[in-house]
Amino acid sequence: MELVDVDAGAESGNGFLRCFGRQVKLLREAAGLTQAELGALVGYGEAQIASVEQGRRIPKPGLVADLDRVLGAGGVLVAMKGEVERARYPGFFREFARLEAEAVELHAYDVLLVNGLLQCEEYARAVFEMWRPLLDEETVEQRLGARLMRQKIFSRKPAPLMSFVIEEAALRRPLGGRRVLQCQLEQLLIVGHQRNVEIQVMPIERDEHASLAGPFTLLLAKTRRRMAYVEAQSQSIVHSDAAKVQNLEATYGVLRAQALTPKESLGWIERFLGEL
């Protein structure tokens, strides 16, 4: 079992960005280029290159590849692209983001809001903009980009097997307003019709419930190791202990039995969408 502290994780990510920036600076100076000259070669301004070198800006994957090519890094910078991308996530989430991206199976139970993998862009933006303490605009954009990037999992080949149990209350909560909720429900219908994805609604009216202890995620890693992830108040735990994971797997099995079936759930979402 691993407990990840948000502040320690954030410092680790910032330290990596500073290290990446120093690498870029050393390669630039070795190539005899100024920041302005390098920026012109990769289509960015001098200030943006300076921010990357100082570890204050998270470069996009395309920029990392261009820097590697222009500076003749021979793949050194590209090799760090995955870690650079994960620096967009809050510190407490980075380890799970790595595991999630490679998962063979993923199963999640959500209580307060729609799972990040299922969120449309408008809904995700609303979630980040209402975060307290308030996030600055740059952080909102970074978090939004990272969340949408996670959704590449749906286009992976071979496709991972995924299922989601979502509380009805979370689907009725109009985060961001009515139009945003409509967008989100439409997104669920699109994703829910994929052959490798099953979405189930847990009705409010159920008089029995297997997971009053809160949300969690189960995953099967590419190494065939089974793990569980629990997150609350900017702290996270990745469970690898077999007994703990098996308990949560048993809980999830009962949750799926108590929820509406995938077909019934898509019907419920369609009807609710029609009421808005």
Protein backbone atom coordinates (compact mmCIF):
# COMPACT_ATOMS: atom_id res chain seq x y z
CA MET A 1 0.00 0.00 0.00
CA GLU A 2 1.37 3.43 -0.94
CA LEU A 3 0.24 6.76 0.49
CA VAL A 4 1.09 9.76 -1.68
CA ASP A 5 1.16 13.17 -0.02
CA VAL A 6 0.02 15.99 -2.33
CA ASP A 7 2.76 18.45 -1.32
CA ALA A 8 5.54 15.90 -1.66
CA GLY A 9 4.18 14.79 -5.03
CA ALA A 10 3.93 18.36 -6.28
CA GLU A 11 7.54 19.08 -5.26
CA SER A 12 8.69 15.92 -7.04
CA GLY A 13 6.94 17.01 -10.23
CA ASN A 14 8.35 20.54 -10.05
CA GLY A 15 11.82 19.14 -9.48
CA PHE A 16 11.52 17.00 -12.60
CA LEU A 17 10.45 20.00 -14.69
CA ARG A 18 13.45 21.97 -13.45
CA CYS A 19 15.72 19.05 -14.36
CA PHE A 20 14.15 18.82 -17.82
CA GLY A 21 14.58 22.57 -18.25
CA ARG A 22 18.28 22.38 -17.36
CA GLN A 23 18.74 19.66 -19.97
CA VAL A 24 17.13 21.89 -22.61
CA LYS A 25 19.32 24.83 -21.59
CA LEU A 26 22.53 22.77 -21.74
CA LEU A 27 21.62 21.39 -25.16
CA ARG A 28 20.70 24.87 -26.42
CA GLU A 29 23.97 26.38 -25.25
CA ALA A 30 25.92 23.47 -26.73
CA ALA A 31 24.18 24.18 -30.06
CA GLY A 32 25.18 27.87 -29.82
CA LEU A 33 21.59 29.13 -29.86
CA THR A 34 19.95 31.91 -27.89
CA GLN A 35 16.50 31.38 -26.38
CA ALA A 36 15.03 33.60 -29.09
CA GLU A 37 16.76 31.62 -31.87
CA LEU A 38 15.60 28.29 -30.45
CA GLY A 39 12.07 29.63 -30.08
CA ALA A 40 12.01 30.68 -33.72
CA LEU A 41 13.08 27.20 -34.81
CA VAL A 42 10.29 25.46 -32.87
CA GLY A 43 7.58 28.07 -33.31
CA TYR A 44 7.58 29.51 -29.77
CA GLY A 45 8.53 32.86 -28.27
CA GLU A 46 11.67 33.61 -26.29
CA ALA A 47 9.69 33.97 -23.04
CA GLN A 48 8.11 30.55 -23.53
CA ILE A 49 11.50 28.90 -24.04
CA ALA A 50 12.80 30.68 -20.94
CA SER A 51 9.82 29.36 -18.93
CA VAL A 52 10.55 25.79 -20.06
CA GLU A 53 14.23 26.10 -19.13
CA GLN A 54 13.33 27.46 -15.71
CA GLY A 55 10.84 24.64 -15.06
CA ARG A 56 7.89 27.05 -14.87
CA ARG A 57 6.12 25.85 -18.01
CA ILE A 58 5.05 22.32 -18.91
CA PRO A 59 5.92 21.81 -22.59
CA LYS A 60 3.41 20.05 -24.81
CA PRO A 61 4.42 16.69 -26.32
CA GLY A 62 4.90 18.29 -29.75
CA LEU A 63 7.29 20.87 -28.35
CA VAL A 64 9.31 18.18 -26.56
CA ALA A 65 9.71 16.31 -29.85
CA ASP A 66 10.67 19.50 -31.71
CA LEU A 67 13.23 20.46 -29.08
CA ASP A 68 14.75 16.99 -29.25
CA ARG A 69 15.02 17.20 -33.04
CA VAL A 70 16.30 20.79 -33.32
CA LEU A 71 18.84 20.39 -30.51
CA GLY A 72 20.07 17.01 -31.76
CA ALA A 73 19.27 15.36 -28.44
CA GLY A 74 19.06 11.92 -30.03
CA GLY A 75 15.87 10.97 -28.21
CA VAL A 76 17.01 12.03 -24.73
CA LEU A 77 14.27 14.66 -24.37
CA VAL A 78 11.63 12.48 -26.02
CA ALA A 79 12.43 9.73 -23.52
CA MET A 80 11.30 12.10 -20.77
CA LYS A 81 8.05 13.03 -22.52
CA GLY A 82 5.90 10.71 -20.42
CA GLU A 83 7.13 12.20 -17.15
CA VAL A 84 6.73 15.71 -18.55
CA GLU A 85 3.12 14.95 -19.44
CA ARG A 86 2.40 13.54 -15.97
CA ALA A 87 3.68 16.76 -14.42
CA ARG A 88 0.35 18.27 -15.55
CA TYR A 89 -1.42 16.22 -12.90
CA PRO A 90 -1.62 17.20 -9.24
CA GLY A 91 1.07 15.47 -7.23
CA PHE A 92 -1.25 13.03 -5.45
CA PHE A 93 -2.57 11.68 -8.77
CA ARG A 94 0.59 11.12 -10.82
CA GLU A 95 1.34 7.54 -9.85
CA PHE A 96 -2.22 6.43 -10.54
CA ALA A 97 -2.23 8.29 -13.88
CA ARG A 98 0.74 6.17 -14.96
CA LEU A 99 -0.97 2.95 -13.90
CA GLU A 100 -4.27 3.97 -15.49
CA ALA A 101 -2.70 4.71 -18.87
CA GLU A 102 -1.37 1.14 -19.10
CA ALA A 103 -4.26 -0.72 -17.45
CA VAL A 104 -5.73 -3.83 -19.07
CA GLU A 105 -8.95 -3.45 -17.06
CA LEU A 106 -10.38 -0.50 -15.13
CA HIS A 107 -13.53 -0.42 -12.99
CA ALA A 108 -14.66 2.65 -11.05
CA TYR A 109 -17.36 3.60 -8.57
CA ASP A 110 -18.12 7.35 -8.30
CA VAL A 111 -20.27 9.22 -5.83
CA LEU A 112 -20.00 13.02 -6.13
CA LEU A 113 -19.29 13.60 -9.81
CA VAL A 114 -18.80 11.81 -13.11
CA ASN A 115 -15.48 9.97 -13.42
CA GLY A 116 -12.74 12.04 -15.06
CA LEU A 117 -12.36 9.52 -17.88
CA LEU A 118 -16.00 10.11 -18.83
CA GLN A 119 -16.12 13.90 -18.50
CA CYS A 120 -16.81 16.12 -21.51
CA GLU A 121 -14.56 19.18 -21.81
CA GLU A 122 -17.18 21.63 -20.53
CA TYR A 123 -17.96 19.54 -17.47
CA ALA A 124 -14.27 19.04 -16.66
CA ARG A 125 -13.60 22.76 -16.97
CA ALA A 126 -16.50 23.54 -14.63
CA VAL A 127 -15.10 21.10 -12.06
CA PHE A 128 -11.67 22.73 -12.09
CA GLU A 129 -13.03 26.28 -12.07
CA MET A 130 -15.08 25.64 -8.93
CA TRP A 131 -12.14 24.04 -7.08
CA ARG A 132 -11.35 25.63 -3.72
CA PRO A 133 -8.90 27.17 -3.02
CA LEU A 134 -9.25 28.67 -6.49
CA LEU A 135 -6.86 27.45 -9.18
CA ASP A 136 -5.24 30.07 -11.41
CA GLU A 137 -6.14 30.05 -15.12
CA GLU A 138 -2.89 28.40 -16.21
CA THR A 139 -3.37 25.56 -13.73
CA VAL A 140 -6.99 25.09 -14.85
CA GLU A 141 -5.82 24.77 -18.46
CA GLN A 142 -3.06 22.34 -17.47
CA ARG A 143 -5.43 20.17 -15.44
CA LEU A 144 -8.04 20.26 -18.20
CA GLY A 145 -5.53 19.24 -20.85
CA ALA A 146 -4.28 16.42 -18.64
CA ARG A 147 -7.80 15.14 -17.99
CA LEU A 148 -8.66 15.09 -21.69
CA MET A 149 -5.34 13.41 -22.45
CA ARG A 150 -6.26 10.59 -20.05
CA GLN A 151 -9.24 9.83 -22.26
CA LYS A 152 -6.90 8.51 -24.95
CA ILE A 153 -7.37 5.23 -23.10
CA PHE A 154 -10.61 4.76 -25.04
CA SER A 155 -8.75 4.64 -28.36
CA ARG A 156 -6.01 2.28 -27.19
CA LYS A 157 -5.50 -0.99 -29.03
CA PRO A 158 -6.13 -3.52 -27.70
CA ALA A 159 -8.95 -1.73 -25.92
CA PRO A 160 -9.00 -2.13 -22.12
CA LEU A 161 -12.13 -3.52 -20.48
CA MET A 162 -13.82 -0.76 -18.47
CA SER A 163 -16.91 -0.37 -16.32
CA PHE A 164 -18.30 2.49 -14.25
CA VAL A 165 -20.94 2.61 -11.52
CA ILE A 166 -22.17 6.17 -10.96
CA GLU A 167 -24.54 7.42 -8.29
CA GLU A 168 -27.76 8.87 -9.69
CA ALA A 169 -27.26 11.96 -7.51
CA ALA A 170 -23.97 12.69 -9.30
CA LEU A 171 -25.72 12.56 -12.66
CA ARG A 172 -28.50 14.87 -11.51
CA ARG A 173 -26.11 17.46 -10.04
CA PRO A 174 -25.93 20.29 -12.67
CA LEU A 175 -22.27 21.20 -12.23
CA GLY A 176 -21.59 24.15 -14.52
CA GLY A 177 -25.26 24.60 -15.36
CA ARG A 178 -27.94 22.88 -17.42
CA ARG A 179 -26.15 23.12 -20.77
CA VAL A 180 -22.99 21.57 -19.32
CA LEU A 181 -25.02 18.74 -17.78
CA GLN A 182 -26.66 18.06 -21.15
CA CYS A 183 -23.21 17.86 -22.75
CA GLN A 184 -22.08 15.46 -20.04
CA LEU A 185 -25.07 13.15 -20.41
CA GLU A 186 -24.57 13.05 -24.18
CA GLN A 187 -20.92 12.13 -23.59
CA LEU A 188 -21.99 9.24 -21.37
CA LEU A 189 -24.30 7.91 -24.07
CA ILE A 190 -21.52 8.05 -26.66
CA VAL A 191 -18.93 6.32 -24.46
CA GLY A 192 -21.47 3.90 -23.00
CA HIS A 193 -22.19 2.41 -26.42
CA GLN A 194 -18.57 1.35 -26.93
CA ARG A 195 -18.22 -2.43 -26.81
CA ASN A 196 -15.49 -2.40 -24.15
CA VAL A 197 -17.29 0.05 -21.81
CA GLU A 198 -20.23 -0.52 -19.48
CA ILE A 199 -21.86 2.31 -17.51
CA GLN A 200 -24.30 1.62 -14.69
CA VAL A 201 -26.45 4.04 -12.70
CA MET A 202 -26.96 3.43 -8.97
CA PRO A 203 -30.53 4.63 -8.24
CA ILE A 204 -31.13 6.85 -5.22
CA GLU A 205 -34.12 4.71 -4.27
CA ARG A 206 -32.06 1.59 -3.53
CA ASP A 207 -32.56 0.53 0.11
CA GLU A 208 -29.32 -1.51 0.13
CA HIS A 209 -25.90 -0.23 -0.81
CA ALA A 210 -22.55 -2.06 -0.73
CA SER A 211 -20.17 0.93 -0.64
CA LEU A 212 -21.22 3.58 1.83
CA ALA A 213 -17.51 4.06 2.54
CA GLY A 214 -17.11 6.00 -0.69
CA PRO A 215 -15.67 5.85 -4.23
CA PHE A 216 -12.75 3.75 -5.47
CA THR A 217 -11.17 2.41 -8.64
CA LEU A 218 -9.96 -1.09 -9.45
CA LEU A 219 -7.45 -1.86 -12.16
CA LEU A 220 -5.60 -4.76 -13.67
CA ALA A 221 -2.10 -3.64 -14.66
CA LYS A 222 -0.37 -4.82 -17.81
CA THR A 223 1.78 -6.97 -15.50
CA ARG A 224 -1.52 -8.73 -14.52
CA ARG A 225 -1.21 -7.30 -11.02
CA ARG A 226 -4.52 -6.23 -9.47
CA MET A 227 -4.61 -2.89 -7.64
CA ALA A 228 -7.07 -0.46 -6.16
CA TYR A 229 -7.03 3.33 -5.90
CA VAL A 230 -8.77 5.48 -3.30
CA GLU A 231 -8.67 9.28 -3.24
CA ALA A 232 -10.02 11.88 -0.81
CA GLN A 233 -9.18 15.50 -0.02
CA SER A 234 -6.04 15.65 -2.20
CA GLN A 235 -4.57 12.46 -0.76
CA SER A 236 -4.47 9.12 -2.50
CA ILE A 237 -3.69 5.51 -1.74
CA VAL A 238 -2.72 2.88 -4.29
CA HIS A 239 -3.48 -0.51 -2.73
CA SER A 240 -1.53 -3.52 -3.92
CA ASP A 241 -2.20 -5.74 -0.91
CA ALA A 242 -4.12 -8.75 -2.24
CA ALA A 243 -6.57 -8.96 0.67
CA LYS A 244 -7.52 -5.27 0.45
CA VAL A 245 -7.92 -5.41 -3.33
CA GLN A 246 -10.04 -8.58 -3.11
CA ASN A 247 -12.34 -6.91 -0.57
CA LEU A 248 -12.91 -3.96 -2.88
CA GLU A 249 -13.44 -6.29 -5.83
CA ALA A 250 -16.14 -8.10 -3.85
CA THR A 251 -17.72 -4.75 -2.97
CA TYR A 252 -17.71 -3.69 -6.61
CA GLY A 253 -19.36 -6.93 -7.67
CA VAL A 254 -22.25 -6.29 -5.28
CA LEU A 255 -22.49 -2.67 -6.44
CA ARG A 256 -22.92 -3.81 -10.03
CA ALA A 257 -25.64 -6.21 -8.97
CA GLN A 258 -27.46 -3.46 -7.06
CA ALA A 259 -27.22 -0.86 -9.85
CA LEU A 260 -29.26 -0.69 -13.03
CA THR A 261 -27.93 -2.91 -15.82
CA PRO A 262 -25.84 -1.21 -18.54
CA LYS A 263 -28.82 -1.28 -20.94
CA GLU A 264 -31.21 0.06 -18.31
CA SER A 265 -28.68 2.74 -17.37
CA LEU A 266 -28.32 4.07 -20.89
CA GLY A 267 -32.10 4.18 -21.09
CA TRP A 268 -32.23 6.09 -17.80
CA ILE A 269 -29.68 8.61 -19.08
CA GLU A 270 -31.62 9.10 -22.33
CA ARG A 271 -34.86 9.74 -20.45
CA PHE A 272 -33.24 12.14 -18.00
CA LEU A 273 -31.56 14.00 -20.86
CA GLY A 274 -34.96 14.37 -22.51
CA GLU A 275 -36.31 15.99 -19.34
CA LEU A 276 -33.70 18.77 -19.28
